[in-house]
Amino acid sequence: MSKSKGTSSKDRNSPTSPSSTSSSATAYSEETLQLAHKIENSFKQLATILEEAVELDHYLRTHKIVKNSKNFKYVDEMLTRCLLKLDQVETHGVQEVRQYRRDVVVKVNGIAAVLDRIRDTT
């Protein structure tokens, strides 16, 4: 009995065979795409939170805000919500996402500092 010159199932599944290489490349490619999608979502979340913060900053500057007024409590509550949302944003170990998140936190904290000055002076 002679062996056929075709490829055995063992050969087709070996680490160096083209089908297993393309299979692992596809899996790697899918993982990369999933991570890219997650990172994109993180950037979108951060952009939305930043937009909310900018709107609160504008609101704070265009309305008469007095300590313990309805407007004061509204801005205070919304800033707190922004910070809570920021805590939920995953960075996925990506420095750019981390930096953007840090920048948005600084912006929100800056607005909160304005609100604190109102609280302290009125």
PDB file of N, CA and C in Angstrom:
ATOM      1  N   MET A   1       0.822  -1.177   0.000  1.00  0.00           N
ATOM      2  CA  MET A   1       0.000   0.000   0.000  1.00  0.00           C
ATOM      3  C   MET A   1       0.869   1.244   0.000  1.00  0.00           C
ATOM      4  N   SER A   2       0.593   2.084  -0.899  1.00  0.00           N
ATOM      5  CA  SER A   2       1.360   3.326  -0.918  1.00  0.00           C
ATOM      6  C   SER A   2       0.503   4.463  -0.406  1.00  0.00           C
ATOM      7  N   LYS A   3       1.177   5.423   0.180  1.00  0.00           N
ATOM      8  CA  LYS A   3       0.472   6.596   0.698  1.00  0.00           C
ATOM      9  C   LYS A   3       0.120   7.504  -0.462  1.00  0.00           C
ATOM     10  N   SER A   4      -1.014   8.109  -0.344  1.00  0.00           N
ATOM     11  CA  SER A   4      -1.387   9.060  -1.402  1.00  0.00           C
ATOM     12  C   SER A   4      -0.572  10.325  -1.235  1.00  0.00           C
ATOM     13  N   LYS A   5      -0.388  11.020  -2.327  1.00  0.00           N
ATOM     14  CA  LYS A   5       0.402  12.245  -2.279  1.00  0.00           C
ATOM     15  C   LYS A   5      -0.421  13.446  -1.848  1.00  0.00           C
ATOM     16  N   GLY A   6      -1.680  13.237  -1.534  1.00  0.00           N
ATOM     17  CA  GLY A   6      -2.557  14.332  -1.073  1.00  0.00           C
ATOM     18  C   GLY A   6      -2.187  14.741   0.342  1.00  0.00           C
ATOM     19  N   THR A   7      -2.824  15.776   0.823  1.00  0.00           N
ATOM     20  CA  THR A   7      -2.542  16.287   2.160  1.00  0.00           C
ATOM     21  C   THR A   7      -3.449  15.599   3.153  1.00  0.00           C
ATOM     22  N   SER A   8      -2.861  15.086   4.210  1.00  0.00           N
ATOM     23  CA  SER A   8      -3.677  14.458   5.241  1.00  0.00           C
ATOM     24  C   SER A   8      -4.318  15.539   6.104  1.00  0.00           C
ATOM     25  N   SER A   9      -5.326  15.122   6.886  1.00  0.00           N
ATOM     26  CA  SER A   9      -6.006  16.095   7.744  1.00  0.00           C
ATOM     27  C   SER A   9      -5.034  16.654   8.778  1.00  0.00           C
ATOM     28  N   LYS A  10      -4.073  15.859   9.161  1.00  0.00           N
ATOM     29  CA  LYS A  10      -3.070  16.332  10.121  1.00  0.00           C
ATOM     30  C   LYS A  10      -2.254  17.472   9.502  1.00  0.00           C
ATOM     31  N   ASP A  11      -1.881  17.339   8.222  1.00  0.00           N
ATOM     32  CA  ASP A  11      -1.106  18.377   7.538  1.00  0.00           C
ATOM     33  C   ASP A  11      -1.913  19.663   7.375  1.00  0.00           C
ATOM     34  N   ARG A  12      -3.206  19.530   7.085  1.00  0.00           N
ATOM     35  CA  ARG A  12      -4.038  20.707   6.854  1.00  0.00           C
ATOM     36  C   ARG A  12      -4.210  21.540   8.126  1.00  0.00           C
ATOM     37  N   ASN A  13      -4.145  20.906   9.267  1.00  0.00           N
ATOM     38  CA  ASN A  13      -4.361  21.620  10.522  1.00  0.00           C
ATOM     39  C   ASN A  13      -3.067  21.972  11.247  1.00  0.00           C
ATOM     40  N   SER A  14      -1.960  21.716  10.616  1.00  0.00           N
ATOM     41  CA  SER A  14      -0.691  22.047  11.266  1.00  0.00           C
ATOM     42  C   SER A  14      -0.515  23.559  11.297  1.00  0.00           C
ATOM     43  N   PRO A  15       0.230  24.069  12.249  1.00  0.00           N
ATOM     44  CA  PRO A  15       0.394  25.508  12.408  1.00  0.00           C
ATOM     45  C   PRO A  15       0.931  26.218  11.177  1.00  0.00           C
ATOM     46  N   THR A  16       1.633  25.493  10.325  1.00  0.00           N
ATOM     47  CA  THR A  16       2.225  26.164   9.162  1.00  0.00           C
ATOM     48  C   THR A  16       1.368  26.045   7.917  1.00  0.00           C
ATOM     49  N   SER A  17       0.270  25.308   8.003  1.00  0.00           N
ATOM     50  CA  SER A  17      -0.561  25.175   6.807  1.00  0.00           C
ATOM     51  C   SER A  17      -1.291  26.480   6.527  1.00  0.00           C
ATOM     52  N   PRO A  18      -1.532  26.793   5.283  1.00  0.00           N
ATOM     53  CA  PRO A  18      -2.183  28.041   4.895  1.00  0.00           C
ATOM     54  C   PRO A  18      -3.564  28.216   5.502  1.00  0.00           C
ATOM     55  N   SER A  19      -4.334  27.142   5.630  1.00  0.00           N
ATOM     56  CA  SER A  19      -5.696  27.298   6.145  1.00  0.00           C
ATOM     57  C   SER A  19      -5.700  27.693   7.615  1.00  0.00           C
ATOM     58  N   SER A  20      -4.782  27.142   8.419  1.00  0.00           N
ATOM     59  CA  SER A  20      -4.759  27.524   9.833  1.00  0.00           C
ATOM     60  C   SER A  20      -4.193  28.936   9.989  1.00  0.00           C
ATOM     61  N   THR A  21      -3.271  29.318   9.143  1.00  0.00           N
ATOM     62  CA  THR A  21      -2.714  30.662   9.197  1.00  0.00           C
ATOM     63  C   THR A  21      -3.791  31.688   8.858  1.00  0.00           C
ATOM     64  N   SER A  22      -4.553  31.438   7.818  1.00  0.00           N
ATOM     65  CA  SER A  22      -5.601  32.390   7.447  1.00  0.00           C
ATOM     66  C   SER A  22      -6.698  32.396   8.497  1.00  0.00           C
ATOM     67  N   SER A  23      -6.945  31.259   9.114  1.00  0.00           N
ATOM     68  CA  SER A  23      -7.950  31.181  10.170  1.00  0.00           C
ATOM     69  C   SER A  23      -7.530  32.012  11.381  1.00  0.00           C
ATOM     70  N   SER A  24      -6.277  31.892  11.784  1.00  0.00           N
ATOM     71  CA  SER A  24      -5.805  32.676  12.931  1.00  0.00           C
ATOM     72  C   SER A  24      -5.692  34.151  12.563  1.00  0.00           C
ATOM     73  N   ALA A  25      -5.354  34.435  11.321  1.00  0.00           N
ATOM     74  CA  ALA A  25      -5.294  35.825  10.870  1.00  0.00           C
ATOM     75  C   ALA A  25      -6.688  36.439  10.878  1.00  0.00           C
ATOM     76  N   THR A  26      -7.676  35.650  10.483  1.00  0.00           N
ATOM     77  CA  THR A  26      -9.055  36.127  10.506  1.00  0.00           C
ATOM     78  C   THR A  26      -9.497  36.391  11.933  1.00  0.00           C
ATOM     79  N   ALA A  27      -9.169  35.486  12.843  1.00  0.00           N
ATOM     80  CA  ALA A  27      -9.528  35.676  14.246  1.00  0.00           C
ATOM     81  C   ALA A  27      -8.840  36.915  14.798  1.00  0.00           C
ATOM     82  N   TYR A  28      -7.560  37.079  14.466  1.00  0.00           N
ATOM     83  CA  TYR A  28      -6.812  38.255  14.907  1.00  0.00           C
ATOM     84  C   TYR A  28      -7.432  39.513  14.313  1.00  0.00           C
ATOM     85  N   SER A  29      -7.782  39.425  13.052  1.00  0.00           N
ATOM     86  CA  SER A  29      -8.385  40.550  12.354  1.00  0.00           C
ATOM     87  C   SER A  29      -9.723  40.930  12.989  1.00  0.00           C
ATOM     88  N   GLU A  30     -10.536  39.935  13.333  1.00  0.00           N
ATOM     89  CA  GLU A  30     -11.824  40.191  13.986  1.00  0.00           C
ATOM     90  C   GLU A  30     -11.622  40.822  15.359  1.00  0.00           C
ATOM     91  N   GLU A  31     -10.650  40.311  16.118  1.00  0.00           N
ATOM     92  CA  GLU A  31     -10.347  40.885  17.436  1.00  0.00           C
ATOM     93  C   GLU A  31      -9.897  42.333  17.298  1.00  0.00           C
ATOM     94  N   THR A  32      -9.084  42.601  16.309  1.00  0.00           N
ATOM     95  CA  THR A  32      -8.599  43.955  16.064  1.00  0.00           C
ATOM     96  C   THR A  32      -9.758  44.879  15.704  1.00  0.00           C
ATOM     97  N   LEU A  33     -10.645  44.395  14.861  1.00  0.00           N
ATOM     98  CA  LEU A  33     -11.815  45.189  14.478  1.00  0.00           C
ATOM     99  C   LEU A  33     -12.724  45.449  15.670  1.00  0.00           C
ATOM    100  N   GLN A  34     -12.899  44.445  16.508  1.00  0.00           N
ATOM    101  CA  GLN A  34     -13.727  44.619  17.704  1.00  0.00           C
ATOM    102  C   GLN A  34     -13.108  45.657  18.637  1.00  0.00           C
ATOM    103  N   LEU A  35     -11.799  45.588  18.826  1.00  0.00           N
ATOM    104  CA  LEU A  35     -11.117  46.553  19.678  1.00  0.00           C
ATOM    105  C   LEU A  35     -11.214  47.951  19.082  1.00  0.00           C
ATOM    106  N   ALA A  36     -11.036  48.058  17.781  1.00  0.00           N
ATOM    107  CA  ALA A  36     -11.144  49.360  17.113  1.00  0.00           C
ATOM    108  C   ALA A  36     -12.544  49.936  17.295  1.00  0.00           C
ATOM    109  N   HIS A  37     -13.542  49.095  17.215  1.00  0.00           N
ATOM    110  CA  HIS A  37     -14.929  49.538  17.411  1.00  0.00           C
ATOM    111  C   HIS A  37     -15.136  50.022  18.852  1.00  0.00           C
ATOM    112  N   LYS A  38     -14.590  49.277  19.812  1.00  0.00           N
ATOM    113  CA  LYS A  38     -14.710  49.675  21.217  1.00  0.00           C
ATOM    114  C   LYS A  38     -14.011  51.015  21.473  1.00  0.00           C
ATOM    115  N   ILE A  39     -12.841  51.184  20.882  1.00  0.00           N
ATOM    116  CA  ILE A  39     -12.095  52.437  21.036  1.00  0.00           C
ATOM    117  C   ILE A  39     -12.881  53.586  20.416  1.00  0.00           C
ATOM    118  N   GLU A  40     -13.434  53.354  19.241  1.00  0.00           N
ATOM    119  CA  GLU A  40     -14.252  54.380  18.577  1.00  0.00           C
ATOM    120  C   GLU A  40     -15.443  54.762  19.456  1.00  0.00           C
ATOM    121  N   ASN A  41     -16.089  53.778  20.065  1.00  0.00           N
ATOM    122  CA  ASN A  41     -17.212  54.051  20.965  1.00  0.00           C
ATOM    123  C   ASN A  41     -16.768  54.868  22.171  1.00  0.00           C
ATOM    124  N   SER A  42     -15.584  54.571  22.697  1.00  0.00           N
ATOM    125  CA  SER A  42     -15.064  55.340  23.827  1.00  0.00           C
ATOM    126  C   SER A  42     -14.864  56.802  23.436  1.00  0.00           C
ATOM    127  N   PHE A  43     -14.292  57.021  22.254  1.00  0.00           N
ATOM    128  CA  PHE A  43     -14.103  58.396  21.775  1.00  0.00           C
ATOM    129  C   PHE A  43     -15.455  59.103  21.599  1.00  0.00           C
ATOM    130  N   LYS A  44     -16.444  58.387  21.078  1.00  0.00           N
ATOM    131  CA  LYS A  44     -17.773  58.977  20.897  1.00  0.00           C
ATOM    132  C   LYS A  44     -18.393  59.323  22.245  1.00  0.00           C
ATOM    133  N   GLN A  45     -18.269  58.439  23.213  1.00  0.00           N
ATOM    134  CA  GLN A  45     -18.800  58.713  24.551  1.00  0.00           C
ATOM    135  C   GLN A  45     -18.143  59.961  25.132  1.00  0.00           C
ATOM    136  N   LEU A  46     -16.831  60.035  24.999  1.00  0.00           N
ATOM    137  CA  LEU A  46     -16.100  61.181  25.532  1.00  0.00           C
ATOM    138  C   LEU A  46     -16.506  62.473  24.835  1.00  0.00           C
ATOM    139  N   ALA A  47     -16.697  62.415  23.526  1.00  0.00           N
ATOM    140  CA  ALA A  47     -17.118  63.600  22.778  1.00  0.00           C
ATOM    141  C   ALA A  47     -18.494  64.062  23.230  1.00  0.00           C
ATOM    142  N   THR A  48     -19.385  63.130  23.485  1.00  0.00           N
ATOM    143  CA  THR A  48     -20.728  63.463  23.960  1.00  0.00           C
ATOM    144  C   THR A  48     -20.665  64.113  25.340  1.00  0.00           C
ATOM    145  N   ILE A  49     -19.855  63.564  26.216  1.00  0.00           N
ATOM    146  CA  ILE A  49     -19.717  64.121  27.562  1.00  0.00           C
ATOM    147  C   ILE A  49     -19.087  65.511  27.500  1.00  0.00           C
ATOM    148  N   LEU A  50     -18.094  65.670  26.644  1.00  0.00           N
ATOM    149  CA  LEU A  50     -17.471  66.979  26.483  1.00  0.00           C
ATOM    150  C   LEU A  50     -18.493  68.000  25.982  1.00  0.00           C
ATOM    151  N   GLU A  51     -19.321  67.591  25.033  1.00  0.00           N
ATOM    152  CA  GLU A  51     -20.363  68.473  24.508  1.00  0.00           C
ATOM    153  C   GLU A  51     -21.323  68.891  25.624  1.00  0.00           C
ATOM    154  N   GLU A  52     -21.700  67.938  26.471  1.00  0.00           N
ATOM    155  CA  GLU A  52     -22.574  68.250  27.609  1.00  0.00           C
ATOM    156  C   GLU A  52     -21.894  69.251  28.539  1.00  0.00           C
ATOM    157  N   ALA A  53     -20.606  69.049  28.784  1.00  0.00           N
ATOM    158  CA  ALA A  53     -19.862  69.944  29.671  1.00  0.00           C
ATOM    159  C   ALA A  53     -19.791  71.357  29.086  1.00  0.00           C
ATOM    160  N   VAL A  54     -19.559  71.460  27.791  1.00  0.00           N
ATOM    161  CA  VAL A  54     -19.489  72.764  27.132  1.00  0.00           C
ATOM    162  C   VAL A  54     -20.845  73.461  27.230  1.00  0.00           C
ATOM    163  N   GLU A  55     -21.924  72.706  27.046  1.00  0.00           N
ATOM    164  CA  GLU A  55     -23.266  73.277  27.180  1.00  0.00           C
ATOM    165  C   GLU A  55     -23.505  73.768  28.613  1.00  0.00           C
ATOM    166  N   LEU A  56     -23.053  73.008  29.602  1.00  0.00           N
ATOM    167  CA  LEU A  56     -23.199  73.432  31.000  1.00  0.00           C
ATOM    168  C   LEU A  56     -22.380  74.687  31.273  1.00  0.00           C
ATOM    169  N   ASP A  57     -21.191  74.747  30.695  1.00  0.00           N
ATOM    170  CA  ASP A  57     -20.346  75.927  30.845  1.00  0.00           C
ATOM    171  C   ASP A  57     -21.058  77.147  30.261  1.00  0.00           C
ATOM    172  N   HIS A  58     -21.633  76.991  29.094  1.00  0.00           N
ATOM    173  CA  HIS A  58     -22.377  78.077  28.450  1.00  0.00           C
ATOM    174  C   HIS A  58     -23.579  78.482  29.308  1.00  0.00           C
ATOM    175  N   TYR A  59     -24.293  77.497  29.812  1.00  0.00           N
ATOM    176  CA  TYR A  59     -25.458  77.747  30.674  1.00  0.00           C
ATOM    177  C   TYR A  59     -25.037  78.532  31.916  1.00  0.00           C
ATOM    178  N   LEU A  60     -23.937  78.125  32.492  1.00  0.00           N
ATOM    179  CA  LEU A  60     -23.429  78.771  33.701  1.00  0.00           C
ATOM    180  C   LEU A  60     -23.066  80.229  33.436  1.00  0.00           C
ATOM    181  N   ARG A  61     -22.536  80.504  32.268  1.00  0.00           N
ATOM    182  CA  ARG A  61     -22.107  81.861  31.931  1.00  0.00           C
ATOM    183  C   ARG A  61     -23.246  82.755  31.437  1.00  0.00           C
ATOM    184  N   THR A  62     -24.337  82.159  30.986  1.00  0.00           N
ATOM    185  CA  THR A  62     -25.419  82.965  30.411  1.00  0.00           C
ATOM    186  C   THR A  62     -26.641  83.089  31.320  1.00  0.00           C
ATOM    187  N   HIS A  63     -26.644  82.404  32.428  1.00  0.00           N
ATOM    188  CA  HIS A  63     -27.764  82.486  33.371  1.00  0.00           C
ATOM    189  C   HIS A  63     -27.277  83.018  34.712  1.00  0.00           C
ATOM    190  N   LYS A  64     -28.180  83.664  35.389  1.00  0.00           N
ATOM    191  CA  LYS A  64     -27.845  84.147  36.735  1.00  0.00           C
ATOM    192  C   LYS A  64     -27.938  82.947  37.679  1.00  0.00           C
ATOM    193  N   ILE A  65     -26.805  82.575  38.172  1.00  0.00           N
ATOM    194  CA  ILE A  65     -26.732  81.417  39.063  1.00  0.00           C
ATOM    195  C   ILE A  65     -26.419  81.898  40.473  1.00  0.00           C
ATOM    196  N   VAL A  66     -27.294  81.558  41.389  1.00  0.00           N
ATOM    197  CA  VAL A  66     -27.085  81.917  42.790  1.00  0.00           C
ATOM    198  C   VAL A  66     -27.036  80.628  43.611  1.00  0.00           C
ATOM    199  N   LYS A  67     -26.258  80.685  44.655  1.00  0.00           N
ATOM    200  CA  LYS A  67     -26.093  79.521  45.532  1.00  0.00           C
ATOM    201  C   LYS A  67     -27.456  78.952  45.929  1.00  0.00           C
ATOM    202  N   ASN A  68     -27.585  77.657  45.827  1.00  0.00           N
ATOM    203  CA  ASN A  68     -28.779  76.891  46.191  1.00  0.00           C
ATOM    204  C   ASN A  68     -30.018  77.210  45.364  1.00  0.00           C
ATOM    205  N   SER A  69     -29.861  77.944  44.270  1.00  0.00           N
ATOM    206  CA  SER A  69     -31.006  78.185  43.385  1.00  0.00           C
ATOM    207  C   SER A  69     -31.266  76.929  42.555  1.00  0.00           C
ATOM    208  N   LYS A  70     -32.390  76.931  41.879  1.00  0.00           N
ATOM    209  CA  LYS A  70     -32.732  75.804  41.007  1.00  0.00           C
ATOM    210  C   LYS A  70     -31.667  75.635  39.928  1.00  0.00           C
ATOM    211  N   ASN A  71     -31.203  76.732  39.339  1.00  0.00           N
ATOM    212  CA  ASN A  71     -30.165  76.681  38.301  1.00  0.00           C
ATOM    213  C   ASN A  71     -28.867  76.128  38.859  1.00  0.00           C
ATOM    214  N   PHE A  72     -28.502  76.552  40.052  1.00  0.00           N
ATOM    215  CA  PHE A  72     -27.272  76.091  40.702  1.00  0.00           C
ATOM    216  C   PHE A  72     -27.326  74.570  40.889  1.00  0.00           C
ATOM    217  N   LYS A  73     -28.437  74.101  41.433  1.00  0.00           N
ATOM    218  CA  LYS A  73     -28.588  72.666  41.694  1.00  0.00           C
ATOM    219  C   LYS A  73     -28.592  71.865  40.391  1.00  0.00           C
ATOM    220  N   TYR A  74     -29.194  72.450  39.352  1.00  0.00           N
ATOM    221  CA  TYR A  74     -29.230  71.778  38.052  1.00  0.00           C
ATOM    222  C   TYR A  74     -27.803  71.586  37.520  1.00  0.00           C
ATOM    223  N   VAL A  75     -27.024  72.654  37.485  1.00  0.00           N
ATOM    224  CA  VAL A  75     -25.657  72.564  36.952  1.00  0.00           C
ATOM    225  C   VAL A  75     -24.822  71.611  37.808  1.00  0.00           C
ATOM    226  N   ASP A  76     -24.969  71.705  39.110  1.00  0.00           N
ATOM    227  CA  ASP A  76     -24.227  70.825  40.024  1.00  0.00           C
ATOM    228  C   ASP A  76     -24.558  69.357  39.749  1.00  0.00           C
ATOM    229  N   GLU A  77     -25.842  69.051  39.607  1.00  0.00           N
ATOM    230  CA  GLU A  77     -26.276  67.679  39.336  1.00  0.00           C
ATOM    231  C   GLU A  77     -25.758  67.187  37.977  1.00  0.00           C
ATOM    232  N   MET A  78     -25.842  68.028  36.971  1.00  0.00           N
ATOM    233  CA  MET A  78     -25.408  67.624  35.634  1.00  0.00           C
ATOM    234  C   MET A  78     -23.889  67.414  35.572  1.00  0.00           C
ATOM    235  N   LEU A  79     -23.140  68.220  36.302  1.00  0.00           N
ATOM    236  CA  LEU A  79     -21.682  68.024  36.363  1.00  0.00           C
ATOM    237  C   LEU A  79     -21.349  66.697  37.036  1.00  0.00           C
ATOM    238  N   THR A  80     -22.080  66.388  38.091  1.00  0.00           N
ATOM    239  CA  THR A  80     -21.878  65.112  38.782  1.00  0.00           C
ATOM    240  C   THR A  80     -22.168  63.953  37.834  1.00  0.00           C
ATOM    241  N   ARG A  81     -23.227  64.091  37.055  1.00  0.00           N
ATOM    242  CA  ARG A  81     -23.563  63.039  36.089  1.00  0.00           C
ATOM    243  C   ARG A  81     -22.470  62.894  35.024  1.00  0.00           C
ATOM    244  N   CYS A  82     -21.917  64.008  34.605  1.00  0.00           N
ATOM    245  CA  CYS A  82     -20.808  63.948  33.635  1.00  0.00           C
ATOM    246  C   CYS A  82     -19.634  63.163  34.206  1.00  0.00           C
ATOM    247  N   LEU A  83     -19.291  63.443  35.457  1.00  0.00           N
ATOM    248  CA  LEU A  83     -18.175  62.732  36.085  1.00  0.00           C
ATOM    249  C   LEU A  83     -18.471  61.244  36.225  1.00  0.00           C
ATOM    250  N   LEU A  84     -19.712  60.919  36.561  1.00  0.00           N
ATOM    251  CA  LEU A  84     -20.085  59.507  36.666  1.00  0.00           C
ATOM    252  C   LEU A  84     -19.994  58.817  35.301  1.00  0.00           C
ATOM    253  N   LYS A  85     -20.410  59.500  34.256  1.00  0.00           N
ATOM    254  CA  LYS A  85     -20.296  58.938  32.905  1.00  0.00           C
ATOM    255  C   LYS A  85     -18.833  58.750  32.524  1.00  0.00           C
ATOM    256  N   LEU A  86     -18.000  59.705  32.902  1.00  0.00           N
ATOM    257  CA  LEU A  86     -16.564  59.592  32.597  1.00  0.00           C
ATOM    258  C   LEU A  86     -15.955  58.374  33.275  1.00  0.00           C
ATOM    259  N   ASP A  87     -16.420  58.076  34.480  1.00  0.00           N
ATOM    260  CA  ASP A  87     -15.920  56.892  35.189  1.00  0.00           C
ATOM    261  C   ASP A  87     -16.258  55.602  34.447  1.00  0.00           C
ATOM    262  N   GLN A  88     -17.314  55.619  33.644  1.00  0.00           N
ATOM    263  CA  GLN A  88     -17.759  54.420  32.936  1.00  0.00           C
ATOM    264  C   GLN A  88     -17.055  54.208  31.590  1.00  0.00           C
ATOM    265  N   VAL A  89     -16.337  55.216  31.116  1.00  0.00           N
ATOM    266  CA  VAL A  89     -15.695  55.109  29.805  1.00  0.00           C
ATOM    267  C   VAL A  89     -14.428  54.256  29.925  1.00  0.00           C
ATOM    268  N   GLU A  90     -14.383  53.200  29.108  1.00  0.00           N
ATOM    269  CA  GLU A  90     -13.213  52.312  29.072  1.00  0.00           C
ATOM    270  C   GLU A  90     -12.147  52.912  28.161  1.00  0.00           C
ATOM    271  N   THR A  91     -10.898  52.839  28.594  1.00  0.00           N
ATOM    272  CA  THR A  91      -9.802  53.353  27.765  1.00  0.00           C
ATOM    273  C   THR A  91      -9.165  52.251  26.926  1.00  0.00           C
ATOM    274  N   HIS A  92      -9.406  51.003  27.269  1.00  0.00           N
ATOM    275  CA  HIS A  92      -8.863  49.841  26.548  1.00  0.00           C
ATOM    276  C   HIS A  92      -7.345  49.892  26.450  1.00  0.00           C
ATOM    277  N   GLY A  93      -6.708  50.560  27.401  1.00  0.00           N
ATOM    278  CA  GLY A  93      -5.249  50.631  27.424  1.00  0.00           C
ATOM    279  C   GLY A  93      -4.654  51.536  26.355  1.00  0.00           C
ATOM    280  N   VAL A  94      -5.485  52.356  25.726  1.00  0.00           N
ATOM    281  CA  VAL A  94      -5.023  53.219  24.637  1.00  0.00           C
ATOM    282  C   VAL A  94      -4.719  54.605  25.191  1.00  0.00           C
ATOM    283  N   GLN A  95      -3.488  55.048  25.028  1.00  0.00           N
ATOM    284  CA  GLN A  95      -3.031  56.323  25.592  1.00  0.00           C
ATOM    285  C   GLN A  95      -3.873  57.499  25.105  1.00  0.00           C
ATOM    286  N   GLU A  96      -4.241  57.514  23.831  1.00  0.00           N
ATOM    287  CA  GLU A  96      -5.012  58.633  23.281  1.00  0.00           C
ATOM    288  C   GLU A  96      -6.385  58.736  23.939  1.00  0.00           C
ATOM    289  N   VAL A  97      -7.018  57.593  24.200  1.00  0.00           N
ATOM    290  CA  VAL A  97      -8.314  57.590  24.874  1.00  0.00           C
ATOM    291  C   VAL A  97      -8.137  58.070  26.307  1.00  0.00           C
ATOM    292  N   ARG A  98      -7.096  57.573  26.961  1.00  0.00           N
ATOM    293  CA  ARG A  98      -6.800  57.992  28.334  1.00  0.00           C
ATOM    294  C   ARG A  98      -6.599  59.499  28.422  1.00  0.00           C
ATOM    295  N   GLN A  99      -5.832  60.052  27.484  1.00  0.00           N
ATOM    296  CA  GLN A  99      -5.552  61.490  27.488  1.00  0.00           C
ATOM    297  C   GLN A  99      -6.819  62.302  27.221  1.00  0.00           C
ATOM    298  N   TYR A 100      -7.621  61.860  26.281  1.00  0.00           N
ATOM    299  CA  TYR A 100      -8.866  62.557  25.963  1.00  0.00           C
ATOM    300  C   TYR A 100      -9.788  62.549  27.177  1.00  0.00           C
ATOM    301  N   ARG A 101      -9.869  61.392  27.823  1.00  0.00           N
ATOM    302  CA  ARG A 101     -10.697  61.273  29.031  1.00  0.00           C
ATOM    303  C   ARG A 101     -10.183  62.232  30.103  1.00  0.00           C
ATOM    304  N   ARG A 102      -8.879  62.267  30.282  1.00  0.00           N
ATOM    305  CA  ARG A 102      -8.271  63.172  31.264  1.00  0.00           C
ATOM    306  C   ARG A 102      -8.611  64.628  30.935  1.00  0.00           C
ATOM    307  N   ASP A 103      -8.537  64.991  29.660  1.00  0.00           N
ATOM    308  CA  ASP A 103      -8.856  66.361  29.235  1.00  0.00           C
ATOM    309  C   ASP A 103     -10.311  66.718  29.532  1.00  0.00           C
ATOM    310  N   VAL A 104     -11.217  65.771  29.305  1.00  0.00           N
ATOM    311  CA  VAL A 104     -12.630  66.025  29.581  1.00  0.00           C
ATOM    312  C   VAL A 104     -12.853  66.162  31.088  1.00  0.00           C
ATOM    313  N   VAL A 105     -12.183  65.346  31.881  1.00  0.00           N
ATOM    314  CA  VAL A 105     -12.288  65.458  33.345  1.00  0.00           C
ATOM    315  C   VAL A 105     -11.813  66.836  33.798  1.00  0.00           C
ATOM    316  N   VAL A 106     -10.707  67.313  33.231  1.00  0.00           N
ATOM    317  CA  VAL A 106     -10.184  68.646  33.581  1.00  0.00           C
ATOM    318  C   VAL A 106     -11.219  69.719  33.240  1.00  0.00           C
ATOM    319  N   LYS A 107     -11.865  69.589  32.079  1.00  0.00           N
ATOM    320  CA  LYS A 107     -12.889  70.548  31.665  1.00  0.00           C
ATOM    321  C   LYS A 107     -14.053  70.543  32.651  1.00  0.00           C
ATOM    322  N   VAL A 108     -14.560  69.375  32.992  1.00  0.00           N
ATOM    323  CA  VAL A 108     -15.684  69.256  33.924  1.00  0.00           C
ATOM    324  C   VAL A 108     -15.290  69.810  35.290  1.00  0.00           C
ATOM    325  N   ASN A 109     -14.091  69.490  35.756  1.00  0.00           N
ATOM    326  CA  ASN A 109     -13.637  69.998  37.050  1.00  0.00           C
ATOM    327  C   ASN A 109     -13.468  71.515  37.030  1.00  0.00           C
ATOM    328  N   GLY A 110     -13.070  72.067  35.888  1.00  0.00           N
ATOM    329  CA  GLY A 110     -12.960  73.520  35.760  1.00  0.00           C
ATOM    330  C   GLY A 110     -14.313  74.199  35.892  1.00  0.00           C
ATOM    331  N   ILE A 111     -15.327  73.614  35.296  1.00  0.00           N
ATOM    332  CA  ILE A 111     -16.681  74.149  35.411  1.00  0.00           C
ATOM    333  C   ILE A 111     -17.161  74.010  36.858  1.00  0.00           C
ATOM    334  N   ALA A 112     -16.859  72.890  37.476  1.00  0.00           N
ATOM    335  CA  ALA A 112     -17.231  72.676  38.877  1.00  0.00           C
ATOM    336  C   ALA A 112     -16.553  73.704  39.780  1.00  0.00           C
ATOM    337  N   ALA A 113     -15.334  74.094  39.432  1.00  0.00           N
ATOM    338  CA  ALA A 113     -14.624  75.104  40.225  1.00  0.00           C
ATOM    339  C   ALA A 113     -15.344  76.454  40.146  1.00  0.00           C
ATOM    340  N   VAL A 114     -15.870  76.785  38.972  1.00  0.00           N
ATOM    341  CA  VAL A 114     -16.653  78.020  38.832  1.00  0.00           C
ATOM    342  C   VAL A 114     -17.881  77.939  39.729  1.00  0.00           C
ATOM    343  N   LEU A 115     -18.532  76.810  39.721  1.00  0.00           N
ATOM    344  CA  LEU A 115     -19.712  76.608  40.564  1.00  0.00           C
ATOM    345  C   LEU A 115     -19.339  76.690  42.047  1.00  0.00           C
ATOM    346  N   ASP A 116     -18.192  76.146  42.419  1.00  0.00           N
ATOM    347  CA  ASP A 116     -17.721  76.232  43.817  1.00  0.00           C
ATOM    348  C   ASP A 116     -17.479  77.674  44.221  1.00  0.00           C
ATOM    349  N   ARG A 117     -16.941  78.483  43.308  1.00  0.00           N
ATOM    350  CA  ARG A 117     -16.717  79.895  43.627  1.00  0.00           C
ATOM    351  C   ARG A 117     -18.049  80.612  43.866  1.00  0.00           C
ATOM    352  N   ILE A 118     -19.058  80.249  43.091  1.00  0.00           N
ATOM    353  CA  ILE A 118     -20.401  80.819  43.311  1.00  0.00           C
ATOM    354  C   ILE A 118     -20.902  80.397  44.690  1.00  0.00           C
ATOM    355  N   ARG A 119     -20.716  79.136  45.023  1.00  0.00           N
ATOM    356  CA  ARG A 119     -21.153  78.609  46.317  1.00  0.00           C
ATOM    357  C   ARG A 119     -20.442  79.337  47.460  1.00  0.00           C
ATOM    358  N   ASP A 120     -19.168  79.637  47.278  1.00  0.00           N
ATOM    359  CA  ASP A 120     -18.378  80.261  48.333  1.00  0.00           C
ATOM    360  C   ASP A 120     -18.618  81.755  48.469  1.00  0.00           C
ATOM    361  N   THR A 121     -19.055  82.433  47.389  1.00  0.00           N
ATOM    362  CA  THR A 121     -19.169  83.884  47.435  1.00  0.00           C
ATOM    363  C   THR A 121     -20.575  84.392  47.668  1.00  0.00           C
ATOM    364  N   THR A 122     -21.575  83.565  47.508  1.00  0.00           N
ATOM    365  CA  THR A 122     -22.945  84.071  47.715  1.00  0.00           C
ATOM    366  C   THR A 122     -23.554  83.514  48.960  1.00  0.00           C
TER     367      THR A 122
END
